[in-house]
């Protein structure tokens, strides 16, 4: 049979085609990077202007921004000012870590992902449903006598070092003074709100010629084409009562005895509501001089958690404070420009 490809037979052409296809599939599979994780290099490091980059490449235990460790559940107590040694006033939100206990661990082999279940607070045993009480009894250690008020999961990486044992209590010392935190909570519900309050609209002119539509949003669409209001149009509606995450909040001070965190800035939620506290995803500040202990001591955060002192942590005795490192320059002194 003449195929138009010289003296090659049909079987030889098919064999060449299959070999080329197999080679192409092998090259495509080699580019998949099956073991790659976010924050890691896809290819080996060949050149760099910093010698330290090559040492970091060889260090398998180095901590990156993609690495995650267990978080904590805190109760928002309110806001108060905190003055540092320079005399600068810092508005802080106070969070109380009320009996954060590790209830379970999920692994990739059994569940498909690595996570830690943490229970916070306490509720009456009579108010806990029987299926949930049965799960608490399986854990043991008397947790069913003081069931948690809320349970949440925190994803982790490097489970061989970041997985705490079941029954471990997470105190405020789990975090480092000076680091950044990402805190998520349910915002305050405002009910049905107009467009000016909900979206910050300017409103209609408050002068002559506007007939009782000063706070209206105005037109919401076009004419016959398209003849409808597009989805997502900013209009009046229910406001608040949504999950909000505030990122990169600086941990100003820690009260070890009373398990209190003093965080700079606002946190979403009402007083008395639980919030989820995690290490900052974008700028955790680990390995810098902005965290207590310095850059060398904080390259890797306390994993799986801090080595607590039972006489201090959660004892209820105040006065055991840890403050974030201060800047060497007085912030209240303004230098004149040259």
Protein backbone atom coordinates (compact mmCIF):
# COMPACT_ATOMS: atom_id res chain seq x y z
CA UNK A 1 0.00 0.00 0.00
CA UNK A 2 1.38 3.39 -1.03
CA UNK A 3 1.00 5.90 1.83
CA UNK A 4 2.79 8.77 0.15
CA UNK A 5 5.56 8.71 2.79
CA UNK A 6 8.30 6.98 0.83
CA UNK A 7 9.11 3.33 1.40
CA UNK A 8 7.55 3.16 4.91
CA UNK A 9 4.87 0.60 5.41
CA UNK A 10 1.66 1.26 7.29
CA UNK A 11 2.88 -0.68 10.33
CA UNK A 12 6.14 1.32 10.47
CA UNK A 13 4.27 4.61 10.25
CA UNK A 14 1.93 3.53 13.04
CA UNK A 15 4.91 2.53 15.18
CA UNK A 16 6.63 5.90 14.61
CA UNK A 17 3.38 7.70 15.47
CA UNK A 18 2.91 5.74 18.72
CA UNK A 19 6.52 6.36 19.78
CA UNK A 20 6.16 10.10 19.17
CA UNK A 21 2.86 10.20 21.04
CA UNK A 22 4.34 8.33 24.02
CA UNK A 23 7.31 10.73 24.10
CA UNK A 24 4.98 13.72 24.01
CA UNK A 25 2.87 12.33 26.88
CA UNK A 26 6.01 11.65 28.94
CA UNK A 27 7.16 15.26 28.47
CA UNK A 28 3.72 16.57 29.47
CA UNK A 29 3.65 14.37 32.58
CA UNK A 30 7.13 15.54 33.60
CA UNK A 31 5.83 19.13 33.66
CA UNK A 32 2.94 18.38 36.03
CA UNK A 33 5.04 18.73 39.22
CA UNK A 34 2.92 16.25 41.17
CA UNK A 35 4.67 16.90 44.49
CA UNK A 36 4.63 20.68 44.09
CA UNK A 37 2.94 22.81 46.78
CA UNK A 38 2.12 26.55 46.70
CA UNK A 39 5.04 28.63 47.88
CA UNK A 40 7.68 26.16 46.64
CA UNK A 41 9.84 26.27 43.54
CA UNK A 42 8.78 24.21 40.56
CA UNK A 43 12.34 23.95 39.25
CA UNK A 44 15.68 23.71 41.08
CA UNK A 45 17.46 26.97 41.84
CA UNK A 46 20.37 27.54 39.43
CA UNK A 47 21.32 31.19 39.94
CA UNK A 48 20.75 33.86 42.58
CA UNK A 49 22.41 37.01 43.89
CA UNK A 50 21.99 35.79 47.50
CA UNK A 51 24.03 32.91 48.86
CA UNK A 52 21.37 32.30 51.51
CA UNK A 53 18.88 31.28 48.81
CA UNK A 54 20.89 28.12 48.06
CA UNK A 55 20.98 27.17 51.75
CA UNK A 56 17.25 27.73 52.03
CA UNK A 57 16.72 25.51 48.99
CA UNK A 58 18.48 22.62 50.74
CA UNK A 59 16.62 23.14 54.02
CA UNK A 60 13.50 20.98 53.90
CA UNK A 61 12.26 22.28 57.26
CA UNK A 62 12.22 25.95 56.29
CA UNK A 63 8.96 27.82 56.87
CA UNK A 64 7.28 29.59 53.96
CA UNK A 65 4.17 31.74 53.64
CA UNK A 66 2.28 28.74 52.23
CA UNK A 67 2.87 26.68 55.39
CA UNK A 68 0.05 26.57 57.92
CA UNK A 69 -0.19 25.53 61.53
CA UNK A 70 -3.11 25.13 63.91
CA UNK A 71 -5.12 28.24 64.78
CA UNK A 72 -7.33 29.09 67.74
CA UNK A 73 -10.86 30.22 68.64
CA UNK A 74 -11.24 33.45 70.55
CA UNK A 75 -14.10 35.41 72.06
CA UNK A 76 -14.26 39.09 71.20
CA UNK A 77 -14.43 41.07 74.44
CA UNK A 78 -14.31 44.58 72.99
CA UNK A 79 -11.75 47.31 72.34
CA UNK A 80 -9.43 49.28 74.60
CA UNK A 81 -6.33 51.45 74.19
CA UNK A 82 -2.85 50.15 74.96
CA UNK A 83 0.13 52.44 75.52
CA UNK A 84 3.63 51.21 74.71
CA UNK A 85 6.85 52.31 76.39
CA UNK A 86 7.20 55.20 73.94
CA UNK A 87 3.82 56.51 75.07
CA UNK A 88 2.11 55.82 71.76
CA UNK A 89 -1.58 54.96 72.02
CA UNK A 90 -2.58 51.78 70.16
CA UNK A 91 -6.29 50.91 69.75
CA UNK A 92 -6.60 47.16 70.35
CA UNK A 93 -9.28 44.49 70.20
CA UNK A 94 -9.15 42.08 73.14
CA UNK A 95 -9.65 38.38 72.35
CA UNK A 96 -10.03 35.67 75.00
CA UNK A 97 -8.98 32.10 74.24
CA UNK A 98 -11.48 30.13 76.31
CA UNK A 99 -10.47 26.45 76.67
CA UNK A 100 -9.18 25.72 73.19
CA UNK A 101 -8.76 21.92 73.12
CA UNK A 102 -7.69 19.74 70.19
CA UNK A 103 -10.56 17.27 69.60
CA UNK A 104 -9.32 15.42 66.55
CA UNK A 105 -6.84 15.21 63.70
CA UNK A 106 -7.61 14.57 60.01
CA UNK A 107 -5.00 13.12 57.68
CA UNK A 108 -4.59 12.95 53.94
CA UNK A 109 -4.56 9.17 53.97
CA UNK A 110 -7.95 8.83 55.69
CA UNK A 111 -9.79 12.06 54.90
CA UNK A 112 -8.01 13.54 51.88
CA UNK A 113 -6.52 16.57 53.66
CA UNK A 114 -4.61 17.50 56.81
CA UNK A 115 -6.48 19.46 59.46
CA UNK A 116 -6.90 19.87 63.21
CA UNK A 117 -10.28 20.07 64.96
CA UNK A 118 -10.33 22.58 67.81
CA UNK A 119 -13.16 23.09 70.28
CA UNK A 120 -13.57 26.37 72.11
CA UNK A 121 -15.69 27.53 75.03
CA UNK A 122 -18.10 25.37 77.00
CA UNK A 123 -21.83 24.62 76.96
CA UNK A 124 -24.12 22.65 79.24
CA UNK A 125 -24.06 18.91 78.62
CA UNK A 126 -27.88 18.75 78.54
CA UNK A 127 -27.91 21.06 75.52
CA UNK A 128 -25.63 18.80 73.44
CA UNK A 129 -27.29 16.40 71.02
CA UNK A 130 -26.74 12.68 71.50
CA UNK A 131 -24.76 12.07 68.26
CA UNK A 132 -22.33 14.86 69.18
CA UNK A 133 -22.06 13.58 72.75
CA UNK A 134 -21.24 10.13 71.39
CA UNK A 135 -18.36 11.57 69.38
CA UNK A 136 -17.03 13.39 72.44
CA UNK A 137 -17.16 10.19 74.48
CA UNK A 138 -15.02 8.44 71.87
CA UNK A 139 -12.33 11.06 72.36
CA UNK A 140 -12.26 10.36 76.09
CA UNK A 141 -10.33 12.38 78.69
CA UNK A 142 -13.60 13.61 80.21
CA UNK A 143 -14.30 16.09 77.41
CA UNK A 144 -17.96 15.00 77.37
CA UNK A 145 -18.37 16.43 80.89
CA UNK A 146 -17.43 19.89 79.59
CA UNK A 147 -18.47 19.86 75.91
CA UNK A 148 -17.15 22.69 73.73
CA UNK A 149 -19.44 25.49 72.60
CA UNK A 150 -18.03 25.63 69.07
CA UNK A 151 -15.84 23.36 66.93
CA UNK A 152 -13.80 24.45 63.92
CA UNK A 153 -11.17 22.92 61.63
CA UNK A 154 -7.82 24.47 60.80
CA UNK A 155 -5.90 23.25 57.75
CA UNK A 156 -2.22 22.48 58.35
CA UNK A 157 0.87 21.63 56.31
CA UNK A 158 3.86 19.50 57.29
CA UNK A 159 1.68 17.26 59.48
CA UNK A 160 4.71 15.41 60.86
CA UNK A 161 5.67 18.52 62.88
CA UNK A 162 2.55 20.73 63.03
CA UNK A 163 0.02 18.16 64.29
CA UNK A 164 -0.73 18.53 68.03
CA UNK A 165 -1.90 15.56 70.06
CA UNK A 166 -5.59 15.09 70.81
CA UNK A 167 -6.36 16.75 74.14
CA UNK A 168 -3.70 19.43 73.78
CA UNK A 169 -4.84 22.85 74.99
CA UNK A 170 -4.04 25.90 72.87
CA UNK A 171 -3.17 28.94 75.00
CA UNK A 172 -2.55 32.55 74.03
CA UNK A 173 1.19 31.81 74.04
CA UNK A 174 0.60 29.73 70.91
CA UNK A 175 1.09 33.01 69.02
CA UNK A 176 4.12 35.31 69.15
CA UNK A 177 3.90 38.95 70.19
CA UNK A 178 4.53 41.13 67.16
CA UNK A 179 3.35 38.71 64.48
CA UNK A 180 0.47 39.38 62.11
CA UNK A 181 -2.83 37.52 62.34
CA UNK A 182 -5.80 36.86 60.07
CA UNK A 183 -9.01 36.92 62.10
CA UNK A 184 -12.37 35.82 60.68
CA UNK A 185 -15.77 36.42 62.27
CA UNK A 186 -19.44 37.07 61.52
CA UNK A 187 -20.02 40.79 61.12
CA UNK A 188 -22.80 42.64 62.92
CA UNK A 189 -26.20 42.35 61.28
CA UNK A 190 -27.64 45.74 60.28
CA UNK A 191 -30.92 44.50 58.86
CA UNK A 192 -32.44 45.97 55.68
CA UNK A 193 -30.34 48.99 54.71
CA UNK A 194 -30.57 51.52 51.92
CA UNK A 195 -27.96 52.00 49.17
CA UNK A 196 -26.23 54.91 50.88
CA UNK A 197 -25.58 53.01 54.09
CA UNK A 198 -24.96 49.65 52.48
CA UNK A 199 -22.71 50.70 49.60
CA UNK A 200 -21.65 54.25 50.48
CA UNK A 201 -23.56 55.98 47.69
CA UNK A 202 -23.42 59.75 47.57
CA UNK A 203 -27.19 60.20 47.13
CA UNK A 204 -29.24 62.68 45.14
CA UNK A 205 -28.71 66.45 45.37
CA UNK A 206 -30.22 67.79 48.59
CA UNK A 207 -31.50 70.99 46.97
CA UNK A 208 -34.39 72.23 44.84
CA UNK A 209 -35.60 70.08 42.03
CA UNK A 210 -35.25 66.66 43.72
CA UNK A 211 -38.64 65.28 44.69
CA UNK A 212 -38.26 63.17 47.84
CA UNK A 213 -35.50 60.96 46.46
CA UNK A 214 -32.46 62.34 48.28
CA UNK A 215 -31.28 58.93 49.51
CA UNK A 216 -32.43 56.88 46.50
CA UNK A 217 -30.00 54.94 44.32
CA UNK A 218 -31.42 56.23 41.06
CA UNK A 219 -31.64 54.20 37.88
CA UNK A 220 -30.81 50.49 38.08
CA UNK A 221 -30.65 49.56 34.39
CA UNK A 222 -31.15 50.51 30.75
CA UNK A 223 -34.17 50.55 28.45
CA UNK A 224 -35.54 47.73 26.34
CA UNK A 225 -32.01 46.52 25.64
CA UNK A 226 -31.18 44.49 27.70
CA UNK A 227 -34.50 45.03 29.47
CA UNK A 228 -33.38 43.67 32.81
CA UNK A 229 -31.29 44.49 35.90
CA UNK A 230 -27.92 42.75 35.87
CA UNK A 231 -27.01 40.42 38.71
CA UNK A 232 -24.86 41.95 41.41
CA UNK A 233 -26.27 45.44 40.98
CA UNK A 234 -25.67 47.49 44.12
CA UNK A 235 -29.12 48.11 45.58
CA UNK A 236 -30.83 48.21 48.94
CA UNK A 237 -30.96 44.95 50.87
CA UNK A 238 -29.80 43.07 53.93
CA UNK A 239 -26.54 44.36 55.34
CA UNK A 240 -24.03 42.58 57.57
CA UNK A 241 -24.23 39.15 59.22
CA UNK A 242 -21.57 37.85 56.80
CA UNK A 243 -18.26 36.13 57.32
CA UNK A 244 -15.49 38.72 57.16
CA UNK A 245 -11.73 38.20 57.45
CA UNK A 246 -9.48 41.06 58.51
CA UNK A 247 -5.90 40.40 57.43
CA UNK A 248 -2.49 41.38 58.83
CA UNK A 249 -3.59 42.48 62.28
CA UNK A 250 -0.55 43.07 64.52
CA UNK A 251 -0.48 41.18 67.82
CA UNK A 252 0.52 43.94 70.23
CA UNK A 253 0.43 42.19 73.62
CA UNK A 254 -0.25 38.79 75.17
CA UNK A 255 -1.59 38.15 78.68
CA UNK A 256 -0.35 34.65 79.43
CA UNK A 257 -2.20 34.23 82.72
CA UNK A 258 -5.66 35.19 81.44
CA UNK A 259 -5.21 33.93 77.84
CA UNK A 260 -5.81 37.33 76.27
CA UNK A 261 -4.64 38.63 72.91
CA UNK A 262 -4.43 42.37 72.27
CA UNK A 263 -4.69 42.88 68.51
CA UNK A 264 -4.19 46.24 66.83
CA UNK A 265 -7.28 47.35 64.94
CA UNK A 266 -10.85 46.16 64.57
CA UNK A 267 -12.21 42.62 64.30
CA UNK A 268 -15.50 41.69 62.64
CA UNK A 269 -18.24 40.55 65.00
CA UNK A 270 -20.19 41.53 68.09
CA UNK A 271 -18.94 41.33 71.65
CA UNK A 272 -19.17 37.82 73.01
CA UNK A 273 -18.98 36.15 69.58
CA UNK A 274 -16.34 33.60 68.60
CA UNK A 275 -13.74 34.44 65.94
CA UNK A 276 -11.16 32.26 64.16
CA UNK A 277 -7.53 33.27 64.68
CA UNK A 278 -4.81 32.16 62.25
CA UNK A 279 -1.28 33.15 61.31
CA UNK A 280 -1.32 35.81 58.60
CA UNK A 281 -1.28 34.36 55.11
CA UNK A 282 0.42 37.28 53.32
CA UNK A 283 2.75 38.86 55.91
CA UNK A 284 3.13 36.66 59.01
CA UNK A 285 6.47 38.40 59.84
CA UNK A 286 8.13 35.13 60.90
CA UNK A 287 11.92 35.36 60.68
CA UNK A 288 12.02 39.13 61.21
CA UNK A 289 13.01 41.39 64.08
CA UNK A 290 9.39 42.54 64.44
CA UNK A 291 8.58 39.44 66.51
CA UNK A 292 9.72 38.66 70.03
CA UNK A 293 12.91 36.62 70.00
CA UNK A 294 14.38 38.14 66.86
CA UNK A 295 14.82 36.95 63.31
CA UNK A 296 16.91 33.83 64.00
CA UNK A 297 14.62 32.45 66.71
CA UNK A 298 11.41 32.97 64.72
CA UNK A 299 12.33 31.48 61.34
CA UNK A 300 10.04 28.60 62.33
CA UNK A 301 7.06 29.38 64.62
CA UNK A 302 6.31 27.19 67.66
CA UNK A 303 5.20 23.85 66.18
CA UNK A 304 2.95 22.14 66.93
CA UNK A 305 2.50 24.72 69.72
CA UNK A 306 4.44 26.58 72.40
CA UNK A 307 6.01 24.79 75.39
CA UNK A 308 3.69 26.08 78.08
CA UNK A 309 4.39 26.74 81.74
CA UNK A 310 1.48 25.17 83.65
CA UNK A 311 1.92 27.59 86.55
CA UNK A 312 1.42 30.61 84.29
CA UNK A 313 -0.56 29.68 81.16
CA UNK A 314 -4.28 30.01 81.82
CA UNK A 315 -3.82 30.33 85.58
CA UNK A 316 -6.09 33.39 85.72
CA UNK A 317 -3.35 35.48 87.33
CA UNK A 318 -2.66 38.68 85.44
CA UNK A 319 0.63 40.46 85.09
CA UNK A 320 2.40 37.95 82.85
CA UNK A 321 2.55 40.13 79.76
CA UNK A 322 4.55 39.75 76.56
CA UNK A 323 4.81 42.93 74.48
CA UNK A 324 5.81 43.21 70.84
CA UNK A 325 9.27 44.61 70.03
CA UNK A 326 9.37 48.38 69.80
CA UNK A 327 11.09 50.45 67.17
CA UNK A 328 14.41 52.07 68.02
CA UNK A 329 13.14 55.50 66.91
CA UNK A 330 10.74 57.47 69.07
CA UNK A 331 7.49 57.70 67.05
CA UNK A 332 6.46 60.89 68.87
CA UNK A 333 9.55 62.83 67.75
CA UNK A 334 9.30 64.34 64.29
CA UNK A 335 12.59 65.04 62.51
CA UNK A 336 12.72 68.12 60.31
CA UNK A 337 13.41 67.49 56.68
CA UNK A 338 16.84 68.64 55.50
